[in-house]
């Protein structure tokens, strides 16, 4: 069952907007309530939201072997993007040959113009043809960043499923 607040909002959205107008005969007399022709825009219901989420194509998932190969042999057409915050990187370490673009503080990074991107992150902005492999601590922020990068026009995105936890387990690096 929907929470009371949500269900009332959906019911209220379906009702027409009612307006009162003052009558010209006197200040205290009003016309009866007349339904307005316009209706409020109806918010998305839960079912509609779920249907729209199902329409989003899935993001490619890569594993440790592929990320290790990319880390050992950097390719300008493929890039590992670590979306953890700088203090997280200092606590544990980084995947070699990856770049850091903190997702929590800069979710709009891939929408920035190239010169602003380079000023903010210290690396050249990847082209839209570059494959971006996103990594974080466990994979959740990496998946969100991959979806946002896709919205910014990067069609070839992937996420490292285990991210830093998987990397540390397979390489012996410290975890935090």
C-alpha atoms as a PDB file:
ATOM      1  CA  UNK A   1       0.000   0.000   0.000  1.00  0.00           C
ATOM      2  CA  UNK A   2       1.229   3.484  -0.802  1.00  0.00           C
ATOM      3  CA  UNK A   3       2.132   5.853   2.010  1.00  0.00           C
ATOM      4  CA  UNK A   4      -0.656   8.277   2.891  1.00  0.00           C
ATOM      5  CA  UNK A   5       1.297  11.310   1.721  1.00  0.00           C
ATOM      6  CA  UNK A   6       2.070   9.788  -1.700  1.00  0.00           C
ATOM      7  CA  UNK A   7      -1.446   8.481  -2.326  1.00  0.00           C
ATOM      8  CA  UNK A   8      -3.010  11.831  -1.414  1.00  0.00           C
ATOM      9  CA  UNK A   9      -0.631  13.580  -3.807  1.00  0.00           C
ATOM     10  CA  UNK A  10      -1.702  11.301  -6.658  1.00  0.00           C
ATOM     11  CA  UNK A  11      -5.388  11.782  -5.858  1.00  0.00           C
ATOM     12  CA  UNK A  12      -4.983  15.553  -5.563  1.00  0.00           C
ATOM     13  CA  UNK A  13      -3.195  15.709  -8.920  1.00  0.00           C
ATOM     14  CA  UNK A  14      -6.186  14.128 -10.665  1.00  0.00           C
ATOM     15  CA  UNK A  15      -8.669  16.726  -9.376  1.00  0.00           C
ATOM     16  CA  UNK A  16      -9.260  19.909 -11.362  1.00  0.00           C
ATOM     17  CA  UNK A  17      -7.917  23.186 -10.003  1.00  0.00           C
ATOM     18  CA  UNK A  18     -10.754  25.228  -8.465  1.00  0.00           C
ATOM     19  CA  UNK A  19     -10.666  29.022  -8.472  1.00  0.00           C
ATOM     20  CA  UNK A  20     -12.881  31.665  -6.973  1.00  0.00           C
ATOM     21  CA  UNK A  21     -13.346  35.121  -8.410  1.00  0.00           C
ATOM     22  CA  UNK A  22     -14.785  38.189  -6.655  1.00  0.00           C
ATOM     23  CA  UNK A  23     -18.200  39.382  -7.789  1.00  0.00           C
ATOM     24  CA  UNK A  24     -18.497  42.995  -9.036  1.00  0.00           C
ATOM     25  CA  UNK A  25     -21.579  43.685  -6.912  1.00  0.00           C
ATOM     26  CA  UNK A  26     -19.838  43.701  -3.558  1.00  0.00           C
ATOM     27  CA  UNK A  27     -16.604  42.980  -1.824  1.00  0.00           C
ATOM     28  CA  UNK A  28     -17.868  40.138   0.342  1.00  0.00           C
ATOM     29  CA  UNK A  29     -19.827  38.233  -2.299  1.00  0.00           C
ATOM     30  CA  UNK A  30     -18.136  35.511  -4.349  1.00  0.00           C
ATOM     31  CA  UNK A  31     -19.278  33.450  -7.268  1.00  0.00           C
ATOM     32  CA  UNK A  32     -19.615  29.750  -6.628  1.00  0.00           C
ATOM     33  CA  UNK A  33     -16.571  27.601  -7.264  1.00  0.00           C
ATOM     34  CA  UNK A  34     -16.116  26.842 -10.958  1.00  0.00           C
ATOM     35  CA  UNK A  35     -13.745  24.122 -12.113  1.00  0.00           C
ATOM     36  CA  UNK A  36     -10.904  25.545 -14.167  1.00  0.00           C
ATOM     37  CA  UNK A  37     -10.290  24.264 -17.656  1.00  0.00           C
ATOM     38  CA  UNK A  38      -6.609  23.613 -16.963  1.00  0.00           C
ATOM     39  CA  UNK A  39      -5.472  20.712 -14.813  1.00  0.00           C
ATOM     40  CA  UNK A  40      -2.307  20.301 -12.816  1.00  0.00           C
ATOM     41  CA  UNK A  41       0.380  18.229 -14.426  1.00  0.00           C
ATOM     42  CA  UNK A  42       0.156  14.760 -12.965  1.00  0.00           C
ATOM     43  CA  UNK A  43       3.312  13.450 -11.254  1.00  0.00           C
ATOM     44  CA  UNK A  44       4.737  10.080 -12.216  1.00  0.00           C
ATOM     45  CA  UNK A  45       3.147   7.226 -10.349  1.00  0.00           C
ATOM     46  CA  UNK A  46       5.135   4.273  -9.072  1.00  0.00           C
ATOM     47  CA  UNK A  47       4.144   1.959 -11.936  1.00  0.00           C
ATOM     48  CA  UNK A  48       4.990   4.560 -14.588  1.00  0.00           C
ATOM     49  CA  UNK A  49       8.382   5.171 -12.970  1.00  0.00           C
ATOM     50  CA  UNK A  50       9.187   1.445 -12.926  1.00  0.00           C
ATOM     51  CA  UNK A  51       8.210   1.094 -16.604  1.00  0.00           C
ATOM     52  CA  UNK A  52      10.472   4.007 -17.554  1.00  0.00           C
ATOM     53  CA  UNK A  53      13.377   2.505 -15.564  1.00  0.00           C
ATOM     54  CA  UNK A  54      12.934  -0.784 -17.446  1.00  0.00           C
ATOM     55  CA  UNK A  55      13.341   1.060 -20.780  1.00  0.00           C
ATOM     56  CA  UNK A  56      16.932   2.102 -19.941  1.00  0.00           C
ATOM     57  CA  UNK A  57      19.403  -0.224 -21.704  1.00  0.00           C
ATOM     58  CA  UNK A  58      21.779  -2.067 -19.363  1.00  0.00           C
ATOM     59  CA  UNK A  59      25.380  -0.963 -18.921  1.00  0.00           C
ATOM     60  CA  UNK A  60      28.141  -3.344 -20.017  1.00  0.00           C
ATOM     61  CA  UNK A  61      29.820  -5.073 -17.053  1.00  0.00           C
ATOM     62  CA  UNK A  62      33.517  -5.988 -17.039  1.00  0.00           C
ATOM     63  CA  UNK A  63      35.456  -8.175 -14.611  1.00  0.00           C
ATOM     64  CA  UNK A  64      38.869  -8.186 -12.976  1.00  0.00           C
ATOM     65  CA  UNK A  65      40.729  -9.840 -15.878  1.00  0.00           C
ATOM     66  CA  UNK A  66      39.652  -7.194 -18.387  1.00  0.00           C
ATOM     67  CA  UNK A  67      40.420  -4.287 -16.028  1.00  0.00           C
ATOM     68  CA  UNK A  68      43.814  -5.822 -15.149  1.00  0.00           C
ATOM     69  CA  UNK A  69      44.657  -6.143 -18.847  1.00  0.00           C
ATOM     70  CA  UNK A  70      43.610  -2.523 -19.452  1.00  0.00           C
ATOM     71  CA  UNK A  71      45.592  -1.354 -16.409  1.00  0.00           C
ATOM     72  CA  UNK A  72      48.758  -3.171 -17.542  1.00  0.00           C
ATOM     73  CA  UNK A  73      48.461  -2.038 -21.185  1.00  0.00           C
ATOM     74  CA  UNK A  74      46.876   1.442 -21.299  1.00  0.00           C
ATOM     75  CA  UNK A  75      44.960   2.207 -24.469  1.00  0.00           C
ATOM     76  CA  UNK A  76      44.048   5.798 -25.436  1.00  0.00           C
ATOM     77  CA  UNK A  77      40.709   4.500 -26.764  1.00  0.00           C
ATOM     78  CA  UNK A  78      39.842   2.812 -23.430  1.00  0.00           C
ATOM     79  CA  UNK A  79      40.037   4.554 -20.074  1.00  0.00           C
ATOM     80  CA  UNK A  80      39.503   3.478 -16.456  1.00  0.00           C
ATOM     81  CA  UNK A  81      37.652   6.189 -14.524  1.00  0.00           C
ATOM     82  CA  UNK A  82      37.738   5.952 -10.723  1.00  0.00           C
ATOM     83  CA  UNK A  83      34.774   7.899  -9.304  1.00  0.00           C
ATOM     84  CA  UNK A  84      35.750   7.698  -5.611  1.00  0.00           C
ATOM     85  CA  UNK A  85      36.534  10.850  -3.649  1.00  0.00           C
ATOM     86  CA  UNK A  86      40.217  11.849  -3.196  1.00  0.00           C
ATOM     87  CA  UNK A  87      40.217  10.977   0.526  1.00  0.00           C
ATOM     88  CA  UNK A  88      39.096   7.435  -0.367  1.00  0.00           C
ATOM     89  CA  UNK A  89      41.993   7.090  -2.791  1.00  0.00           C
ATOM     90  CA  UNK A  90      44.473   8.201  -0.094  1.00  0.00           C
ATOM     91  CA  UNK A  91      43.068   5.625   2.337  1.00  0.00           C
ATOM     92  CA  UNK A  92      43.354   2.645   0.010  1.00  0.00           C
ATOM     93  CA  UNK A  93      45.090   3.311  -3.301  1.00  0.00           C
ATOM     94  CA  UNK A  94      44.193   3.458  -6.974  1.00  0.00           C
ATOM     95  CA  UNK A  95      43.973   1.136  -9.924  1.00  0.00           C
ATOM     96  CA  UNK A  96      47.124   1.848 -11.984  1.00  0.00           C
ATOM     97  CA  UNK A  97      46.615   4.028 -15.084  1.00  0.00           C
ATOM     98  CA  UNK A  98      43.148   5.169 -14.002  1.00  0.00           C
ATOM     99  CA  UNK A  99      41.979   8.762 -13.757  1.00  0.00           C
ATOM    100  CA  UNK A 100      40.011  10.167 -10.842  1.00  0.00           C
ATOM    101  CA  UNK A 101      36.770  12.024 -11.479  1.00  0.00           C
ATOM    102  CA  UNK A 102      34.915  12.215  -8.140  1.00  0.00           C
ATOM    103  CA  UNK A 103      31.264  11.404  -8.803  1.00  0.00           C
ATOM    104  CA  UNK A 104      29.734  12.600  -5.523  1.00  0.00           C
ATOM    105  CA  UNK A 105      31.147  16.134  -5.782  1.00  0.00           C
ATOM    106  CA  UNK A 106      31.132  16.416  -9.610  1.00  0.00           C
ATOM    107  CA  UNK A 107      28.235  14.423 -11.091  1.00  0.00           C
ATOM    108  CA  UNK A 108      28.071  16.820 -14.048  1.00  0.00           C
ATOM    109  CA  UNK A 109      31.729  16.297 -15.056  1.00  0.00           C
ATOM    110  CA  UNK A 110      31.008  14.792 -18.475  1.00  0.00           C
ATOM    111  CA  UNK A 111      28.680  17.669 -19.358  1.00  0.00           C
ATOM    112  CA  UNK A 112      31.497  20.236 -18.890  1.00  0.00           C
ATOM    113  CA  UNK A 113      33.262  21.816 -21.887  1.00  0.00           C
ATOM    114  CA  UNK A 114      36.750  20.358 -22.561  1.00  0.00           C
ATOM    115  CA  UNK A 115      38.689  23.339 -21.178  1.00  0.00           C
ATOM    116  CA  UNK A 116      36.685  23.429 -17.916  1.00  0.00           C
ATOM    117  CA  UNK A 117      37.049  19.644 -17.559  1.00  0.00           C
ATOM    118  CA  UNK A 118      40.826  19.872 -17.909  1.00  0.00           C
ATOM    119  CA  UNK A 119      41.031  22.788 -15.451  1.00  0.00           C
ATOM    120  CA  UNK A 120      38.963  20.940 -12.853  1.00  0.00           C
ATOM    121  CA  UNK A 121      40.426  17.418 -13.090  1.00  0.00           C
ATOM    122  CA  UNK A 122      43.907  17.975 -14.539  1.00  0.00           C
ATOM    123  CA  UNK A 123      43.397  15.554 -17.457  1.00  0.00           C
ATOM    124  CA  UNK A 124      42.124  16.015 -20.972  1.00  0.00           C
ATOM    125  CA  UNK A 125      38.414  15.326 -21.405  1.00  0.00           C
ATOM    126  CA  UNK A 126      37.876  11.973 -23.145  1.00  0.00           C
ATOM    127  CA  UNK A 127      36.236  12.021 -26.551  1.00  0.00           C
ATOM    128  CA  UNK A 128      32.791  10.519 -26.977  1.00  0.00           C
ATOM    129  CA  UNK A 129      34.322   7.590 -28.914  1.00  0.00           C
ATOM    130  CA  UNK A 130      36.503   6.593 -25.936  1.00  0.00           C
ATOM    131  CA  UNK A 131      35.311   3.554 -23.975  1.00  0.00           C
ATOM    132  CA  UNK A 132      34.979   4.516 -20.321  1.00  0.00           C
ATOM    133  CA  UNK A 133      35.229   1.783 -17.668  1.00  0.00           C
ATOM    134  CA  UNK A 134      33.908   3.154 -14.370  1.00  0.00           C
ATOM    135  CA  UNK A 135      35.161   1.974 -10.993  1.00  0.00           C
ATOM    136  CA  UNK A 136      34.395   2.954  -7.397  1.00  0.00           C
ATOM    137  CA  UNK A 137      34.514   1.068  -4.089  1.00  0.00           C
ATOM    138  CA  UNK A 138      31.840  -1.587  -4.689  1.00  0.00           C
ATOM    139  CA  UNK A 139      30.295  -0.787  -8.071  1.00  0.00           C
ATOM    140  CA  UNK A 140      27.215   1.285  -7.232  1.00  0.00           C
ATOM    141  CA  UNK A 141      28.613   4.777  -7.860  1.00  0.00           C
ATOM    142  CA  UNK A 142      30.427   3.440 -10.919  1.00  0.00           C
ATOM    143  CA  UNK A 143      27.148   2.233 -12.408  1.00  0.00           C
ATOM    144  CA  UNK A 144      25.474   5.593 -11.706  1.00  0.00           C
ATOM    145  CA  UNK A 145      28.388   7.467 -13.273  1.00  0.00           C
ATOM    146  CA  UNK A 146      28.248   5.206 -16.347  1.00  0.00           C
ATOM    147  CA  UNK A 147      24.554   5.975 -16.818  1.00  0.00           C
ATOM    148  CA  UNK A 148      25.177   9.714 -16.492  1.00  0.00           C
ATOM    149  CA  UNK A 149      28.091   9.531 -18.952  1.00  0.00           C
ATOM    150  CA  UNK A 150      25.765   7.772 -21.395  1.00  0.00           C
ATOM    151  CA  UNK A 151      23.300  10.659 -21.007  1.00  0.00           C
ATOM    152  CA  UNK A 152      26.179  13.065 -21.746  1.00  0.00           C
ATOM    153  CA  UNK A 153      26.744  11.389 -25.117  1.00  0.00           C
ATOM    154  CA  UNK A 154      29.294   8.674 -24.314  1.00  0.00           C
ATOM    155  CA  UNK A 155      27.832   5.598 -25.961  1.00  0.00           C
ATOM    156  CA  UNK A 156      30.583   3.133 -25.061  1.00  0.00           C
ATOM    157  CA  UNK A 157      30.534   2.859 -21.250  1.00  0.00           C
ATOM    158  CA  UNK A 158      31.110  -0.051 -18.888  1.00  0.00           C
ATOM    159  CA  UNK A 159      31.298  -0.623 -15.162  1.00  0.00           C
ATOM    160  CA  UNK A 160      33.757  -2.733 -13.195  1.00  0.00           C
ATOM    161  CA  UNK A 161      31.395  -4.886 -11.171  1.00  0.00           C
ATOM    162  CA  UNK A 162      33.474  -5.498  -8.042  1.00  0.00           C
ATOM    163  CA  UNK A 163      35.408  -2.234  -8.320  1.00  0.00           C
ATOM    164  CA  UNK A 164      38.034  -1.542  -5.630  1.00  0.00           C
ATOM    165  CA  UNK A 165      36.908  -4.363  -3.311  1.00  0.00           C
ATOM    166  CA  UNK A 166      37.362  -6.904  -6.116  1.00  0.00           C
ATOM    167  CA  UNK A 167      40.650  -5.307  -7.208  1.00  0.00           C
ATOM    168  CA  UNK A 168      42.035  -5.442  -3.655  1.00  0.00           C
ATOM    169  CA  UNK A 169      40.936  -9.072  -3.187  1.00  0.00           C
ATOM    170  CA  UNK A 170      42.676 -10.132  -6.425  1.00  0.00           C
ATOM    171  CA  UNK A 171      45.857  -8.056  -6.082  1.00  0.00           C
ATOM    172  CA  UNK A 172      46.367  -7.946  -2.308  1.00  0.00           C
ATOM    173  CA  UNK A 173      45.953  -4.170  -2.119  1.00  0.00           C
ATOM    174  CA  UNK A 174      44.615  -2.703   1.134  1.00  0.00           C
ATOM    175  CA  UNK A 175      40.918  -1.984   1.589  1.00  0.00           C
ATOM    176  CA  UNK A 176      39.427   0.658   3.819  1.00  0.00           C
END
